[in-house]
Amino acid sequence: MFSFEKESMLVEDREDLLAVLQMRFGRVSGELIQKIYGISDGDTLQRLILAAANAHSFEVFLEELEMGQASFRLVGEDFNPLRNQAIGWDA
């Protein structure tokens, strides 16, 4: 893959991540945008897109963001986007 193709894919992933964050949690700060644009690993961006889509709160997403490449699994109730709505539901 040519470097311009890779960079193009990274830009798309960054924009996708920002779009998911805006849809789920509202306005995204300039500081967070800069931090996301500082990520140059496609696998990390893909994982963060999944985290943004599934984290039950913005704080959980921020924790995942801080993990960097050290994190590799998104499991448990922190990544249940319906967790807050499901409280009190009968199973």
PDB file of N, CA and C in Angstrom:
ATOM      1  N   MET A   1       0.846  -1.171   0.000  1.00  0.00           N
ATOM      2  CA  MET A   1       0.000   0.000   0.000  1.00  0.00           C
ATOM      3  C   MET A   1       0.897   1.240   0.000  1.00  0.00           C
ATOM      4  N   PHE A   2       0.546   2.207  -0.832  1.00  0.00           N
ATOM      5  CA  PHE A   2       1.301   3.450  -0.899  1.00  0.00           C
ATOM      6  C   PHE A   2       1.006   4.302   0.315  1.00  0.00           C
ATOM      7  N   SER A   3       1.967   5.133   0.703  1.00  0.00           N
ATOM      8  CA  SER A   3       1.806   5.924   1.924  1.00  0.00           C
ATOM      9  C   SER A   3       0.638   6.898   1.822  1.00  0.00           C
ATOM     10  N   PHE A   4       0.364   7.445   0.621  1.00  0.00           N
ATOM     11  CA  PHE A   4      -0.780   8.356   0.502  1.00  0.00           C
ATOM     12  C   PHE A   4      -2.097   7.609   0.672  1.00  0.00           C
ATOM     13  N   GLU A   5      -2.140   6.331   0.277  1.00  0.00           N
ATOM     14  CA  GLU A   5      -3.348   5.524   0.493  1.00  0.00           C
ATOM     15  C   GLU A   5      -3.539   5.254   1.975  1.00  0.00           C
ATOM     16  N   LYS A   6      -2.447   4.935   2.655  1.00  0.00           N
ATOM     17  CA  LYS A   6      -2.519   4.685   4.088  1.00  0.00           C
ATOM     18  C   LYS A   6      -2.976   5.938   4.824  1.00  0.00           C
ATOM     19  N   GLU A   7      -2.391   7.078   4.477  1.00  0.00           N
ATOM     20  CA  GLU A   7      -2.779   8.330   5.137  1.00  0.00           C
ATOM     21  C   GLU A   7      -4.244   8.662   4.855  1.00  0.00           C
ATOM     22  N   SER A   8      -4.701   8.398   3.652  1.00  0.00           N
ATOM     23  CA  SER A   8      -6.097   8.634   3.304  1.00  0.00           C
ATOM     24  C   SER A   8      -7.024   7.770   4.165  1.00  0.00           C
ATOM     25  N   MET A   9      -6.631   6.517   4.378  1.00  0.00           N
ATOM     26  CA  MET A   9      -7.426   5.617   5.214  1.00  0.00           C
ATOM     27  C   MET A   9      -7.434   6.096   6.665  1.00  0.00           C
ATOM     28  N   LEU A  10      -6.293   6.580   7.148  1.00  0.00           N
ATOM     29  CA  LEU A  10      -6.220   7.101   8.512  1.00  0.00           C
ATOM     30  C   LEU A  10      -7.130   8.319   8.676  1.00  0.00           C
ATOM     31  N   VAL A  11      -7.141   9.205   7.692  1.00  0.00           N
ATOM     32  CA  VAL A  11      -8.006  10.381   7.751  1.00  0.00           C
ATOM     33  C   VAL A  11      -9.467   9.941   7.804  1.00  0.00           C
ATOM     34  N   GLU A  12      -9.844   8.975   6.975  1.00  0.00           N
ATOM     35  CA  GLU A  12     -11.221   8.469   6.983  1.00  0.00           C
ATOM     36  C   GLU A  12     -11.575   7.871   8.337  1.00  0.00           C
ATOM     37  N   ASP A  13     -10.669   7.086   8.908  1.00  0.00           N
ATOM     38  CA  ASP A  13     -10.927   6.488  10.223  1.00  0.00           C
ATOM     39  C   ASP A  13     -11.069   7.560  11.293  1.00  0.00           C
ATOM     40  N   ARG A  14     -10.232   8.571  11.250  1.00  0.00           N
ATOM     41  CA  ARG A  14     -10.322   9.659  12.231  1.00  0.00           C
ATOM     42  C   ARG A  14     -11.665  10.368  12.105  1.00  0.00           C
ATOM     43  N   GLU A  15     -12.063  10.662  10.872  1.00  0.00           N
ATOM     44  CA  GLU A  15     -13.340  11.341  10.646  1.00  0.00           C
ATOM     45  C   GLU A  15     -14.519  10.456  11.072  1.00  0.00           C
ATOM     46  N   ASP A  16     -14.433   9.167  10.807  1.00  0.00           N
ATOM     47  CA  ASP A  16     -15.481   8.241  11.253  1.00  0.00           C
ATOM     48  C   ASP A  16     -15.582   8.236  12.780  1.00  0.00           C
ATOM     49  N   LEU A  17     -14.441   8.197  13.444  1.00  0.00           N
ATOM     50  CA  LEU A  17     -14.423   8.203  14.904  1.00  0.00           C
ATOM     51  C   LEU A  17     -15.058   9.480  15.436  1.00  0.00           C
ATOM     52  N   LEU A  18     -14.695  10.614  14.884  1.00  0.00           N
ATOM     53  CA  LEU A  18     -15.280  11.879  15.330  1.00  0.00           C
ATOM     54  C   LEU A  18     -16.785  11.924  15.076  1.00  0.00           C
ATOM     55  N   ALA A  19     -17.219  11.382  13.956  1.00  0.00           N
ATOM     56  CA  ALA A  19     -18.653  11.358  13.650  1.00  0.00           C
ATOM     57  C   ALA A  19     -19.425  10.501  14.656  1.00  0.00           C
ATOM     58  N   VAL A  20     -18.887   9.342  14.990  1.00  0.00           N
ATOM     59  CA  VAL A  20     -19.551   8.472  15.969  1.00  0.00           C
ATOM     60  C   VAL A  20     -19.599   9.169  17.326  1.00  0.00           C
ATOM     61  N   LEU A  21     -18.502   9.791  17.732  1.00  0.00           N
ATOM     62  CA  LEU A  21     -18.488  10.501  19.013  1.00  0.00           C
ATOM     63  C   LEU A  21     -19.524  11.625  19.041  1.00  0.00           C
ATOM     64  N   GLN A  22     -19.638  12.376  17.953  1.00  0.00           N
ATOM     65  CA  GLN A  22     -20.618  13.452  17.904  1.00  0.00           C
ATOM     66  C   GLN A  22     -22.039  12.907  17.952  1.00  0.00           C
ATOM     67  N   MET A  23     -22.297  11.834  17.227  1.00  0.00           N
ATOM     68  CA  MET A  23     -23.643  11.245  17.245  1.00  0.00           C
ATOM     69  C   MET A  23     -24.004  10.717  18.622  1.00  0.00           C
ATOM     70  N   ARG A  24     -23.068  10.058  19.286  1.00  0.00           N
ATOM     71  CA  ARG A  24     -23.348   9.430  20.570  1.00  0.00           C
ATOM     72  C   ARG A  24     -23.339  10.400  21.739  1.00  0.00           C
ATOM     73  N   PHE A  25     -22.350  11.324  21.744  1.00  0.00           N
ATOM     74  CA  PHE A  25     -22.107  12.108  22.949  1.00  0.00           C
ATOM     75  C   PHE A  25     -22.197  13.619  22.758  1.00  0.00           C
ATOM     76  N   GLY A  26     -22.434  14.086  21.551  1.00  0.00           N
ATOM     77  CA  GLY A  26     -22.545  15.523  21.320  1.00  0.00           C
ATOM     78  C   GLY A  26     -21.236  16.146  20.880  1.00  0.00           C
ATOM     79  N   ARG A  27     -21.086  17.406  21.194  1.00  0.00           N
ATOM     80  CA  ARG A  27     -19.930  18.193  20.747  1.00  0.00           C
ATOM     81  C   ARG A  27     -18.606  17.567  21.204  1.00  0.00           C
ATOM     82  N   VAL A  28     -17.635  17.594  20.309  1.00  0.00           N
ATOM     83  CA  VAL A  28     -16.298  17.070  20.592  1.00  0.00           C
ATOM     84  C   VAL A  28     -15.349  18.260  20.711  1.00  0.00           C
ATOM     85  N   SER A  29     -14.581  18.307  21.781  1.00  0.00           N
ATOM     86  CA  SER A  29     -13.681  19.436  22.017  1.00  0.00           C
ATOM     87  C   SER A  29     -12.525  19.448  21.017  1.00  0.00           C
ATOM     88  N   GLY A  30     -11.976  20.628  20.815  1.00  0.00           N
ATOM     89  CA  GLY A  30     -10.809  20.777  19.945  1.00  0.00           C
ATOM     90  C   GLY A  30      -9.623  19.977  20.453  1.00  0.00           C
ATOM     91  N   GLU A  31      -9.489  19.904  21.769  1.00  0.00           N
ATOM     92  CA  GLU A  31      -8.397  19.128  22.366  1.00  0.00           C
ATOM     93  C   GLU A  31      -8.517  17.647  22.013  1.00  0.00           C
ATOM     94  N   LEU A  32      -9.736  17.115  22.073  1.00  0.00           N
ATOM     95  CA  LEU A  32      -9.947  15.704  21.731  1.00  0.00           C
ATOM     96  C   LEU A  32      -9.720  15.478  20.239  1.00  0.00           C
ATOM     97  N   ILE A  33     -10.155  16.416  19.412  1.00  0.00           N
ATOM     98  CA  ILE A  33      -9.925  16.299  17.965  1.00  0.00           C
ATOM     99  C   ILE A  33      -8.425  16.232  17.681  1.00  0.00           C
ATOM    100  N   GLN A  34      -7.651  17.085  18.339  1.00  0.00           N
ATOM    101  CA  GLN A  34      -6.195  17.067  18.145  1.00  0.00           C
ATOM    102  C   GLN A  34      -5.608  15.731  18.585  1.00  0.00           C
ATOM    103  N   LYS A  35      -6.095  15.221  19.712  1.00  0.00           N
ATOM    104  CA  LYS A  35      -5.576  13.949  20.207  1.00  0.00           C
ATOM    105  C   LYS A  35      -5.880  12.825  19.202  1.00  0.00           C
ATOM    106  N   ILE A  36      -7.076  12.817  18.668  1.00  0.00           N
ATOM    107  CA  ILE A  36      -7.464  11.790  17.690  1.00  0.00           C
ATOM    108  C   ILE A  36      -6.626  11.929  16.418  1.00  0.00           C
ATOM    109  N   TYR A  37      -6.392  13.158  15.970  1.00  0.00           N
ATOM    110  CA  TYR A  37      -5.579  13.349  14.772  1.00  0.00           C
ATOM    111  C   TYR A  37      -4.113  13.035  15.007  1.00  0.00           C
ATOM    112  N   GLY A  38      -3.719  12.893  16.268  1.00  0.00           N
ATOM    113  CA  GLY A  38      -2.357  12.487  16.579  1.00  0.00           C
ATOM    114  C   GLY A  38      -2.153  10.982  16.516  1.00  0.00           C
ATOM    115  N   ILE A  39      -3.240  10.226  16.379  1.00  0.00           N
ATOM    116  CA  ILE A  39      -3.146   8.764  16.306  1.00  0.00           C
ATOM    117  C   ILE A  39      -2.814   8.360  14.872  1.00  0.00           C
ATOM    118  N   SER A  40      -1.746   7.597  14.711  1.00  0.00           N
ATOM    119  CA  SER A  40      -1.320   7.205  13.363  1.00  0.00           C
ATOM    120  C   SER A  40      -1.351   5.696  13.150  1.00  0.00           C
ATOM    121  N   ASP A  41      -2.031   4.989  14.040  1.00  0.00           N
ATOM    122  CA  ASP A  41      -2.144   3.543  13.918  1.00  0.00           C
ATOM    123  C   ASP A  41      -3.585   3.187  13.552  1.00  0.00           C
ATOM    124  N   GLY A  42      -3.752   2.575  12.390  1.00  0.00           N
ATOM    125  CA  GLY A  42      -5.086   2.227  11.906  1.00  0.00           C
ATOM    126  C   GLY A  42      -5.832   1.266  12.818  1.00  0.00           C
ATOM    127  N   ASP A  43      -5.128   0.295  13.380  1.00  0.00           N
ATOM    128  CA  ASP A  43      -5.786  -0.664  14.280  1.00  0.00           C
ATOM    129  C   ASP A  43      -6.326   0.029  15.525  1.00  0.00           C
ATOM    130  N   THR A  44      -5.574   0.979  16.047  1.00  0.00           N
ATOM    131  CA  THR A  44      -6.031   1.728  17.222  1.00  0.00           C
ATOM    132  C   THR A  44      -7.270   2.542  16.880  1.00  0.00           C
ATOM    133  N   LEU A  45      -7.274   3.178  15.726  1.00  0.00           N
ATOM    134  CA  LEU A  45      -8.436   3.961  15.322  1.00  0.00           C
ATOM    135  C   LEU A  45      -9.665   3.079  15.142  1.00  0.00           C
ATOM    136  N   GLN A  46      -9.482   1.904  14.551  1.00  0.00           N
ATOM    137  CA  GLN A  46     -10.609   0.982  14.371  1.00  0.00           C
ATOM    138  C   GLN A  46     -11.176   0.545  15.719  1.00  0.00           C
ATOM    139  N   ARG A  47     -10.288   0.241  16.667  1.00  0.00           N
ATOM    140  CA  ARG A  47     -10.733  -0.159  18.005  1.00  0.00           C
ATOM    141  C   ARG A  47     -11.480   0.981  18.680  1.00  0.00           C
ATOM    142  N   LEU A  48     -10.999   2.215  18.511  1.00  0.00           N
ATOM    143  CA  LEU A  48     -11.657   3.357  19.128  1.00  0.00           C
ATOM    144  C   LEU A  48     -13.009   3.653  18.494  1.00  0.00           C
ATOM    145  N   ILE A  49     -13.166   3.367  17.218  1.00  0.00           N
ATOM    146  CA  ILE A  49     -14.475   3.511  16.576  1.00  0.00           C
ATOM    147  C   ILE A  49     -15.460   2.546  17.231  1.00  0.00           C
ATOM    148  N   LEU A  50     -15.035   1.307  17.422  1.00  0.00           N
ATOM    149  CA  LEU A  50     -15.892   0.320  18.103  1.00  0.00           C
ATOM    150  C   LEU A  50     -16.181   0.743  19.543  1.00  0.00           C
ATOM    151  N   ALA A  51     -15.170   1.263  20.222  1.00  0.00           N
ATOM    152  CA  ALA A  51     -15.361   1.712  21.602  1.00  0.00           C
ATOM    153  C   ALA A  51     -16.358   2.866  21.649  1.00  0.00           C
ATOM    154  N   ALA A  52     -16.234   3.820  20.741  1.00  0.00           N
ATOM    155  CA  ALA A  52     -17.144   4.964  20.710  1.00  0.00           C
ATOM    156  C   ALA A  52     -18.579   4.525  20.435  1.00  0.00           C
ATOM    157  N   ALA A  53     -18.730   3.532  19.590  1.00  0.00           N
ATOM    158  CA  ALA A  53     -20.070   3.048  19.244  1.00  0.00           C
ATOM    159  C   ALA A  53     -20.709   2.239  20.367  1.00  0.00           C
ATOM    160  N   ASN A  54     -19.897   1.635  21.215  1.00  0.00           N
ATOM    161  CA  ASN A  54     -20.434   0.708  22.212  1.00  0.00           C
ATOM    162  C   ASN A  54     -20.268   1.129  23.662  1.00  0.00           C
ATOM    163  N   ALA A  55     -19.444   2.099  23.947  1.00  0.00           N
ATOM    164  CA  ALA A  55     -19.243   2.533  25.331  1.00  0.00           C
ATOM    165  C   ALA A  55     -20.547   3.109  25.873  1.00  0.00           C
ATOM    166  N   HIS A  56     -20.866   2.778  27.117  1.00  0.00           N
ATOM    167  CA  HIS A  56     -22.131   3.267  27.665  1.00  0.00           C
ATOM    168  C   HIS A  56     -22.047   4.725  28.099  1.00  0.00           C
ATOM    169  N   SER A  57     -20.823   5.286  28.187  1.00  0.00           N
ATOM    170  CA  SER A  57     -20.684   6.693  28.547  1.00  0.00           C
ATOM    171  C   SER A  57     -19.431   7.273  27.887  1.00  0.00           C
ATOM    172  N   PHE A  58     -19.398   8.585  27.816  1.00  0.00           N
ATOM    173  CA  PHE A  58     -18.240   9.264  27.247  1.00  0.00           C
ATOM    174  C   PHE A  58     -16.993   9.006  28.081  1.00  0.00           C
ATOM    175  N   GLU A  59     -17.171   8.900  29.393  1.00  0.00           N
ATOM    176  CA  GLU A  59     -16.042   8.649  30.284  1.00  0.00           C
ATOM    177  C   GLU A  59     -15.392   7.298  29.990  1.00  0.00           C
ATOM    178  N   VAL A  60     -16.212   6.294  29.699  1.00  0.00           N
ATOM    179  CA  VAL A  60     -15.669   4.970  29.357  1.00  0.00           C
ATOM    180  C   VAL A  60     -14.867   5.068  28.066  1.00  0.00           C
ATOM    181  N   PHE A  61     -15.373   5.823  27.094  1.00  0.00           N
ATOM    182  CA  PHE A  61     -14.616   6.005  25.861  1.00  0.00           C
ATOM    183  C   PHE A  61     -13.276   6.673  26.150  1.00  0.00           C
ATOM    184  N   LEU A  62     -13.281   7.723  26.977  1.00  0.00           N
ATOM    185  CA  LEU A  62     -12.031   8.428  27.296  1.00  0.00           C
ATOM    186  C   LEU A  62     -11.027   7.505  27.973  1.00  0.00           C
ATOM    187  N   GLU A  63     -11.498   6.615  28.838  1.00  0.00           N
ATOM    188  CA  GLU A  63     -10.602   5.635  29.461  1.00  0.00           C
ATOM    189  C   GLU A  63      -9.969   4.743  28.408  1.00  0.00           C
ATOM    190  N   GLU A  64     -10.773   4.319  27.447  1.00  0.00           N
ATOM    191  CA  GLU A  64     -10.266   3.466  26.369  1.00  0.00           C
ATOM    192  C   GLU A  64      -9.258   4.231  25.513  1.00  0.00           C
ATOM    193  N   LEU A  65      -9.531   5.483  25.257  1.00  0.00           N
ATOM    194  CA  LEU A  65      -8.613   6.322  24.492  1.00  0.00           C
ATOM    195  C   LEU A  65      -7.267   6.428  25.197  1.00  0.00           C
ATOM    196  N   GLU A  66      -7.286   6.578  26.510  1.00  0.00           N
ATOM    197  CA  GLU A  66      -6.051   6.700  27.277  1.00  0.00           C
ATOM    198  C   GLU A  66      -5.250   5.398  27.295  1.00  0.00           C
ATOM    199  N   MET A  67      -5.904   4.273  27.086  1.00  0.00           N
ATOM    200  CA  MET A  67      -5.210   2.986  27.077  1.00  0.00           C
ATOM    201  C   MET A  67      -4.262   2.870  25.893  1.00  0.00           C
ATOM    202  N   GLY A  68      -4.535   3.613  24.834  1.00  0.00           N
ATOM    203  CA  GLY A  68      -3.668   3.556  23.656  1.00  0.00           C
ATOM    204  C   GLY A  68      -3.649   2.155  23.058  1.00  0.00           C
ATOM    205  N   GLN A  69      -2.478   1.697  22.677  1.00  0.00           N
ATOM    206  CA  GLN A  69      -2.350   0.386  22.054  1.00  0.00           C
ATOM    207  C   GLN A  69      -2.321  -0.732  23.080  1.00  0.00           C
ATOM    208  N   ALA A  70      -2.339  -0.403  24.367  1.00  0.00           N
ATOM    209  CA  ALA A  70      -2.297  -1.432  25.416  1.00  0.00           C
ATOM    210  C   ALA A  70      -3.608  -2.213  25.503  1.00  0.00           C
ATOM    211  N   SER A  71      -4.694  -1.613  25.055  1.00  0.00           N
ATOM    212  CA  SER A  71      -5.991  -2.272  25.133  1.00  0.00           C
ATOM    213  C   SER A  71      -6.227  -3.102  23.870  1.00  0.00           C
ATOM    214  N   PHE A  72      -6.880  -4.253  24.052  1.00  0.00           N
ATOM    215  CA  PHE A  72      -7.137  -5.081  22.869  1.00  0.00           C
ATOM    216  C   PHE A  72      -8.500  -5.745  22.889  1.00  0.00           C
ATOM    217  N   ARG A  73      -9.259  -5.631  23.986  1.00  0.00           N
ATOM    218  CA  ARG A  73     -10.578  -6.267  24.047  1.00  0.00           C
ATOM    219  C   ARG A  73     -11.587  -5.287  24.608  1.00  0.00           C
ATOM    220  N   LEU A  74     -12.747  -5.255  23.990  1.00  0.00           N
ATOM    221  CA  LEU A  74     -13.845  -4.419  24.451  1.00  0.00           C
ATOM    222  C   LEU A  74     -14.929  -5.351  24.971  1.00  0.00           C
ATOM    223  N   VAL A  75     -14.883  -5.649  26.255  1.00  0.00           N
ATOM    224  CA  VAL A  75     -15.839  -6.593  26.823  1.00  0.00           C
ATOM    225  C   VAL A  75     -16.439  -6.023  28.102  1.00  0.00           C
ATOM    226  N   GLY A  76     -17.558  -6.595  28.489  1.00  0.00           N
ATOM    227  CA  GLY A  76     -18.194  -6.236  29.745  1.00  0.00           C
ATOM    228  C   GLY A  76     -19.262  -5.170  29.577  1.00  0.00           C
ATOM    229  N   GLU A  77     -19.880  -4.834  30.678  1.00  0.00           N
ATOM    230  CA  GLU A  77     -20.987  -3.889  30.669  1.00  0.00           C
ATOM    231  C   GLU A  77     -20.568  -2.465  30.308  1.00  0.00           C
ATOM    232  N   ASP A  78     -19.277  -2.136  30.440  1.00  0.00           N
ATOM    233  CA  ASP A  78     -18.844  -0.805  30.026  1.00  0.00           C
ATOM    234  C   ASP A  78     -19.040  -0.591  28.538  1.00  0.00           C
ATOM    235  N   PHE A  79     -19.104  -1.663  27.774  1.00  0.00           N
ATOM    236  CA  PHE A  79     -19.282  -1.573  26.331  1.00  0.00           C
ATOM    237  C   PHE A  79     -20.634  -2.108  25.895  1.00  0.00           C
ATOM    238  N   ASN A  80     -21.628  -1.851  26.710  1.00  0.00           N
ATOM    239  CA  ASN A  80     -23.024  -2.136  26.383  1.00  0.00           C
ATOM    240  C   ASN A  80     -23.710  -0.790  26.234  1.00  0.00           C
ATOM    241  N   PRO A  81     -23.942  -0.337  24.987  1.00  0.00           N
ATOM    242  CA  PRO A  81     -24.502   1.000  24.801  1.00  0.00           C
ATOM    243  C   PRO A  81     -25.907   1.160  25.387  1.00  0.00           C
ATOM    244  N   LEU A  82     -26.580   0.064  25.672  1.00  0.00           N
ATOM    245  CA  LEU A  82     -27.931   0.121  26.240  1.00  0.00           C
ATOM    246  C   LEU A  82     -27.941  -0.081  27.746  1.00  0.00           C
ATOM    247  N   ARG A  83     -26.772  -0.127  28.353  1.00  0.00           N
ATOM    248  CA  ARG A  83     -26.670  -0.416  29.784  1.00  0.00           C
ATOM    249  C   ARG A  83     -27.550   0.499  30.624  1.00  0.00           C
ATOM    250  N   ASN A  84     -27.486   1.788  30.387  1.00  0.00           N
ATOM    251  CA  ASN A  84     -28.258   2.725  31.191  1.00  0.00           C
ATOM    252  C   ASN A  84     -29.758   2.573  30.962  1.00  0.00           C
ATOM    253  N   GLN A  85     -30.171   2.251  29.745  1.00  0.00           N
ATOM    254  CA  GLN A  85     -31.583   2.075  29.458  1.00  0.00           C
ATOM    255  C   GLN A  85     -32.100   0.743  29.991  1.00  0.00           C
ATOM    256  N   ALA A  86     -31.223  -0.240  30.104  1.00  0.00           N
ATOM    257  CA  ALA A  86     -31.651  -1.588  30.497  1.00  0.00           C
ATOM    258  C   ALA A  86     -31.859  -1.729  31.993  1.00  0.00           C
ATOM    259  N   ILE A  87     -31.358  -0.789  32.783  1.00  0.00           N
ATOM    260  CA  ILE A  87     -31.518  -0.877  34.220  1.00  0.00           C
ATOM    261  C   ILE A  87     -33.001  -0.880  34.562  1.00  0.00           C
ATOM    262  N   GLY A  88     -33.428  -1.879  35.275  1.00  0.00           N
ATOM    263  CA  GLY A  88     -34.816  -1.998  35.667  1.00  0.00           C
ATOM    264  C   GLY A  88     -35.683  -2.797  34.717  1.00  0.00           C
ATOM    265  N   TRP A  89     -35.139  -3.176  33.576  1.00  0.00           N
ATOM    266  CA  TRP A  89     -35.887  -4.010  32.655  1.00  0.00           C
ATOM    267  C   TRP A  89     -35.992  -5.412  33.200  1.00  0.00           C
ATOM    268  N   ASP A  90     -37.104  -6.057  32.983  1.00  0.00           N
ATOM    269  CA  ASP A  90     -37.231  -7.466  33.347  1.00  0.00           C
ATOM    270  C   ASP A  90     -36.612  -8.295  32.241  1.00  0.00           C
ATOM    271  N   ALA A  91     -35.855  -9.308  32.635  1.00  0.00           N
ATOM    272  CA  ALA A  91     -35.189 -10.170  31.640  1.00  0.00           C
ATOM    273  C   ALA A  91     -36.140 -11.177  31.090  1.00  0.00           C
TER     274      ALA A  91
END
